[in-house]
């Protein structure tokens, strides 16, 4: 990423494999035009780094560079082990929430398409669904909470 440094640390086995993966010009990041889009290429895998911050930083940069808006805005920090997926449909937005956490997780977010706030207690090791209507701007159906 131009002008930005993300600290990465890898375990010894992954580090050994990564030492051979370098661009010929010594760069660690490339943005390559391709048709109407861009290819973003990193010589180091943020997904293999220890912790989630490196991958989140890389993906955050790519989303911002492509001007892709977030589907929702967290109103409070999301506990680790919780996945939230939003799918915009014609008349509604479907949220799928999954917890691999050992404890219940408080979820508080605002949907970008409708402005609707979704708050719930996601039980440990469970999943939940929420359907937000675009016309009513409310949760019109739910499962698992």
C-alpha atoms as a PDB file:
ATOM      1  CA  UNK A   1       0.000   0.000   0.000  1.00  0.00           C
ATOM      2  CA  UNK A   2       1.583   3.243  -1.042  1.00  0.00           C
ATOM      3  CA  UNK A   3       3.084   5.150   1.879  1.00  0.00           C
ATOM      4  CA  UNK A   4       1.726   2.789   4.545  1.00  0.00           C
ATOM      5  CA  UNK A   5       3.500   0.150   6.577  1.00  0.00           C
ATOM      6  CA  UNK A   6       1.672  -2.727   8.243  1.00  0.00           C
ATOM      7  CA  UNK A   7       3.715  -4.707  10.771  1.00  0.00           C
ATOM      8  CA  UNK A   8       3.497  -8.451  10.093  1.00  0.00           C
ATOM      9  CA  UNK A   9       4.861 -11.343  12.113  1.00  0.00           C
ATOM     10  CA  UNK A  10       4.864 -14.971  10.997  1.00  0.00           C
ATOM     11  CA  UNK A  11       5.715 -18.227  12.685  1.00  0.00           C
ATOM     12  CA  UNK A  12       9.070 -19.731  11.650  1.00  0.00           C
ATOM     13  CA  UNK A  13       7.684 -22.231   9.102  1.00  0.00           C
ATOM     14  CA  UNK A  14       5.569 -19.592   7.336  1.00  0.00           C
ATOM     15  CA  UNK A  15       8.458 -17.118   7.427  1.00  0.00           C
ATOM     16  CA  UNK A  16      10.726 -19.611   5.677  1.00  0.00           C
ATOM     17  CA  UNK A  17       8.194 -20.023   2.830  1.00  0.00           C
ATOM     18  CA  UNK A  18       7.578 -16.285   2.520  1.00  0.00           C
ATOM     19  CA  UNK A  19      11.247 -15.346   2.217  1.00  0.00           C
ATOM     20  CA  UNK A  20      11.234 -16.643  -1.368  1.00  0.00           C
ATOM     21  CA  UNK A  21       8.162 -14.618  -2.368  1.00  0.00           C
ATOM     22  CA  UNK A  22       9.400 -11.187  -3.429  1.00  0.00           C
ATOM     23  CA  UNK A  23       8.852  -8.951  -6.454  1.00  0.00           C
ATOM     24  CA  UNK A  24      11.890  -8.637  -8.731  1.00  0.00           C
ATOM     25  CA  UNK A  25      12.116  -4.871  -8.088  1.00  0.00           C
ATOM     26  CA  UNK A  26      12.064  -5.331  -4.299  1.00  0.00           C
ATOM     27  CA  UNK A  27       8.579  -3.814  -3.885  1.00  0.00           C
ATOM     28  CA  UNK A  28       6.206  -5.453  -1.406  1.00  0.00           C
ATOM     29  CA  UNK A  29       2.952  -4.070  -2.876  1.00  0.00           C
ATOM     30  CA  UNK A  30       1.649  -3.696  -6.439  1.00  0.00           C
ATOM     31  CA  UNK A  31      -1.490  -2.121  -7.870  1.00  0.00           C
ATOM     32  CA  UNK A  32      -1.840  -3.324 -11.443  1.00  0.00           C
ATOM     33  CA  UNK A  33      -4.450  -1.888 -13.853  1.00  0.00           C
ATOM     34  CA  UNK A  34      -6.494  -4.630 -15.527  1.00  0.00           C
ATOM     35  CA  UNK A  35      -9.256  -3.641 -17.922  1.00  0.00           C
ATOM     36  CA  UNK A  36     -11.658  -1.388 -15.996  1.00  0.00           C
ATOM     37  CA  UNK A  37     -10.340  -2.590 -12.642  1.00  0.00           C
ATOM     38  CA  UNK A  38      -7.208  -3.090 -10.604  1.00  0.00           C
ATOM     39  CA  UNK A  39      -5.315  -6.039  -9.215  1.00  0.00           C
ATOM     40  CA  UNK A  40      -3.878  -5.521  -5.729  1.00  0.00           C
ATOM     41  CA  UNK A  41      -0.918  -7.798  -5.021  1.00  0.00           C
ATOM     42  CA  UNK A  42       1.096  -8.120  -1.837  1.00  0.00           C
ATOM     43  CA  UNK A  43       4.327 -10.066  -1.630  1.00  0.00           C
ATOM     44  CA  UNK A  44       3.368 -11.057   1.930  1.00  0.00           C
ATOM     45  CA  UNK A  45       0.100 -12.677   2.902  1.00  0.00           C
ATOM     46  CA  UNK A  46      -1.721 -10.730   5.604  1.00  0.00           C
ATOM     47  CA  UNK A  47      -3.969 -13.759   6.147  1.00  0.00           C
ATOM     48  CA  UNK A  48      -0.990 -15.869   7.238  1.00  0.00           C
ATOM     49  CA  UNK A  49       0.276 -13.255   9.689  1.00  0.00           C
ATOM     50  CA  UNK A  50      -0.342 -13.650  13.390  1.00  0.00           C
ATOM     51  CA  UNK A  51      -3.496 -11.844  14.493  1.00  0.00           C
ATOM     52  CA  UNK A  52      -6.315 -10.300  12.454  1.00  0.00           C
ATOM     53  CA  UNK A  53      -5.134  -6.685  12.177  1.00  0.00           C
ATOM     54  CA  UNK A  54      -2.770  -7.131   9.190  1.00  0.00           C
ATOM     55  CA  UNK A  55      -5.426  -8.734   6.979  1.00  0.00           C
ATOM     56  CA  UNK A  56      -8.057  -6.226   8.141  1.00  0.00           C
ATOM     57  CA  UNK A  57      -5.719  -3.345   7.271  1.00  0.00           C
ATOM     58  CA  UNK A  58      -5.028  -4.694   3.777  1.00  0.00           C
ATOM     59  CA  UNK A  59      -8.695  -5.362   3.022  1.00  0.00           C
ATOM     60  CA  UNK A  60      -9.679  -1.981   4.482  1.00  0.00           C
ATOM     61  CA  UNK A  61      -7.206  -0.247   2.181  1.00  0.00           C
ATOM     62  CA  UNK A  62      -8.475  -2.121  -0.900  1.00  0.00           C
ATOM     63  CA  UNK A  63     -12.118  -1.345  -0.066  1.00  0.00           C
ATOM     64  CA  UNK A  64     -11.300   2.350   0.403  1.00  0.00           C
ATOM     65  CA  UNK A  65      -9.199   2.480  -2.790  1.00  0.00           C
ATOM     66  CA  UNK A  66     -12.083   0.972  -4.780  1.00  0.00           C
ATOM     67  CA  UNK A  67     -14.642   3.191  -3.009  1.00  0.00           C
ATOM     68  CA  UNK A  68     -16.646   0.183  -1.846  1.00  0.00           C
ATOM     69  CA  UNK A  69     -18.968   1.172   0.975  1.00  0.00           C
ATOM     70  CA  UNK A  70     -19.372  -0.958   4.053  1.00  0.00           C
ATOM     71  CA  UNK A  71     -22.709  -2.760   4.359  1.00  0.00           C
ATOM     72  CA  UNK A  72     -22.957  -1.796   8.038  1.00  0.00           C
ATOM     73  CA  UNK A  73     -21.299   0.320  10.689  1.00  0.00           C
ATOM     74  CA  UNK A  74     -20.497  -1.240  14.046  1.00  0.00           C
ATOM     75  CA  UNK A  75     -21.811   0.806  16.962  1.00  0.00           C
ATOM     76  CA  UNK A  76     -19.697  -1.176  19.441  1.00  0.00           C
ATOM     77  CA  UNK A  77     -16.625  -3.395  19.013  1.00  0.00           C
ATOM     78  CA  UNK A  78     -17.277  -6.843  17.573  1.00  0.00           C
ATOM     79  CA  UNK A  79     -15.974  -9.692  19.745  1.00  0.00           C
ATOM     80  CA  UNK A  80     -13.458 -12.025  18.126  1.00  0.00           C
ATOM     81  CA  UNK A  81     -14.948 -15.205  16.736  1.00  0.00           C
ATOM     82  CA  UNK A  82     -18.082 -13.450  15.432  1.00  0.00           C
ATOM     83  CA  UNK A  83     -18.831 -13.201  11.711  1.00  0.00           C
ATOM     84  CA  UNK A  84     -21.458 -10.880  10.234  1.00  0.00           C
ATOM     85  CA  UNK A  85     -22.494 -11.097   6.598  1.00  0.00           C
ATOM     86  CA  UNK A  86     -24.959  -8.697   4.955  1.00  0.00           C
ATOM     87  CA  UNK A  87     -26.657  -9.389   1.625  1.00  0.00           C
ATOM     88  CA  UNK A  88     -28.662  -6.623  -0.006  1.00  0.00           C
ATOM     89  CA  UNK A  89     -31.797  -7.950  -1.698  1.00  0.00           C
ATOM     90  CA  UNK A  90     -34.368  -6.086  -3.802  1.00  0.00           C
ATOM     91  CA  UNK A  91     -36.679  -5.119  -0.920  1.00  0.00           C
ATOM     92  CA  UNK A  92     -34.632  -6.027   2.136  1.00  0.00           C
ATOM     93  CA  UNK A  93     -31.225  -6.686   3.647  1.00  0.00           C
ATOM     94  CA  UNK A  94     -30.433 -10.131   5.048  1.00  0.00           C
ATOM     95  CA  UNK A  95     -27.969 -10.411   7.932  1.00  0.00           C
ATOM     96  CA  UNK A  96     -26.341 -13.722   8.833  1.00  0.00           C
ATOM     97  CA  UNK A  97     -24.533 -13.674  12.162  1.00  0.00           C
ATOM     98  CA  UNK A  98     -22.379 -16.531  13.422  1.00  0.00           C
ATOM     99  CA  UNK A  99     -20.550 -16.974  16.695  1.00  0.00           C
ATOM    100  CA  UNK A 100     -17.654 -19.311  17.336  1.00  0.00           C
ATOM    101  CA  UNK A 101     -17.124 -17.509  20.632  1.00  0.00           C
ATOM    102  CA  UNK A 102     -17.258 -19.305  23.991  1.00  0.00           C
ATOM    103  CA  UNK A 103     -19.510 -16.578  25.417  1.00  0.00           C
ATOM    104  CA  UNK A 104     -22.571 -14.679  24.259  1.00  0.00           C
ATOM    105  CA  UNK A 105     -21.804 -11.649  22.076  1.00  0.00           C
ATOM    106  CA  UNK A 106     -23.531  -8.261  22.195  1.00  0.00           C
ATOM    107  CA  UNK A 107     -24.091  -7.097  18.602  1.00  0.00           C
ATOM    108  CA  UNK A 108     -24.876  -3.468  17.842  1.00  0.00           C
ATOM    109  CA  UNK A 109     -24.716  -2.214  14.259  1.00  0.00           C
ATOM    110  CA  UNK A 110     -26.360   0.248  11.878  1.00  0.00           C
ATOM    111  CA  UNK A 111     -27.320  -1.005   8.413  1.00  0.00           C
ATOM    112  CA  UNK A 112     -25.931   1.309   5.703  1.00  0.00           C
ATOM    113  CA  UNK A 113     -28.741   0.732   3.179  1.00  0.00           C
ATOM    114  CA  UNK A 114     -31.622   1.572   5.540  1.00  0.00           C
ATOM    115  CA  UNK A 115     -30.074   3.308   8.541  1.00  0.00           C
ATOM    116  CA  UNK A 116     -31.769   0.712  10.748  1.00  0.00           C
ATOM    117  CA  UNK A 117     -30.033  -0.224  13.977  1.00  0.00           C
ATOM    118  CA  UNK A 118     -29.728  -3.935  14.732  1.00  0.00           C
ATOM    119  CA  UNK A 119     -28.999  -4.862  18.334  1.00  0.00           C
ATOM    120  CA  UNK A 120     -29.082  -8.371  19.725  1.00  0.00           C
ATOM    121  CA  UNK A 121     -27.406 -10.834  22.031  1.00  0.00           C
ATOM    122  CA  UNK A 122     -25.909 -13.578  19.865  1.00  0.00           C
ATOM    123  CA  UNK A 123     -25.698 -16.799  21.895  1.00  0.00           C
ATOM    124  CA  UNK A 124     -22.317 -18.527  22.108  1.00  0.00           C
ATOM    125  CA  UNK A 125     -21.655 -21.093  19.360  1.00  0.00           C
ATOM    126  CA  UNK A 126     -24.887 -20.169  17.529  1.00  0.00           C
ATOM    127  CA  UNK A 127     -26.049 -18.395  14.402  1.00  0.00           C
ATOM    128  CA  UNK A 128     -28.857 -15.911  13.840  1.00  0.00           C
ATOM    129  CA  UNK A 129     -30.649 -14.301  10.897  1.00  0.00           C
ATOM    130  CA  UNK A 130     -32.211 -10.857  10.638  1.00  0.00           C
ATOM    131  CA  UNK A 131     -34.159  -9.437   7.698  1.00  0.00           C
ATOM    132  CA  UNK A 132     -34.461  -5.642   7.504  1.00  0.00           C
ATOM    133  CA  UNK A 133     -37.143  -4.193   5.229  1.00  0.00           C
ATOM    134  CA  UNK A 134     -36.008  -1.325   3.018  1.00  0.00           C
ATOM    135  CA  UNK A 135     -39.469   0.284   3.016  1.00  0.00           C
ATOM    136  CA  UNK A 136     -40.245  -0.089   6.724  1.00  0.00           C
ATOM    137  CA  UNK A 137     -36.629   0.379   7.877  1.00  0.00           C
ATOM    138  CA  UNK A 138     -37.232  -2.154  10.636  1.00  0.00           C
ATOM    139  CA  UNK A 139     -36.365  -5.783  11.365  1.00  0.00           C
ATOM    140  CA  UNK A 140     -39.229  -7.591   9.622  1.00  0.00           C
ATOM    141  CA  UNK A 141     -38.170 -11.124  10.494  1.00  0.00           C
ATOM    142  CA  UNK A 142     -35.572 -12.791  12.668  1.00  0.00           C
ATOM    143  CA  UNK A 143     -34.346 -16.173  13.781  1.00  0.00           C
ATOM    144  CA  UNK A 144     -32.005 -17.237  16.575  1.00  0.00           C
ATOM    145  CA  UNK A 145     -32.381 -14.237  18.884  1.00  0.00           C
END
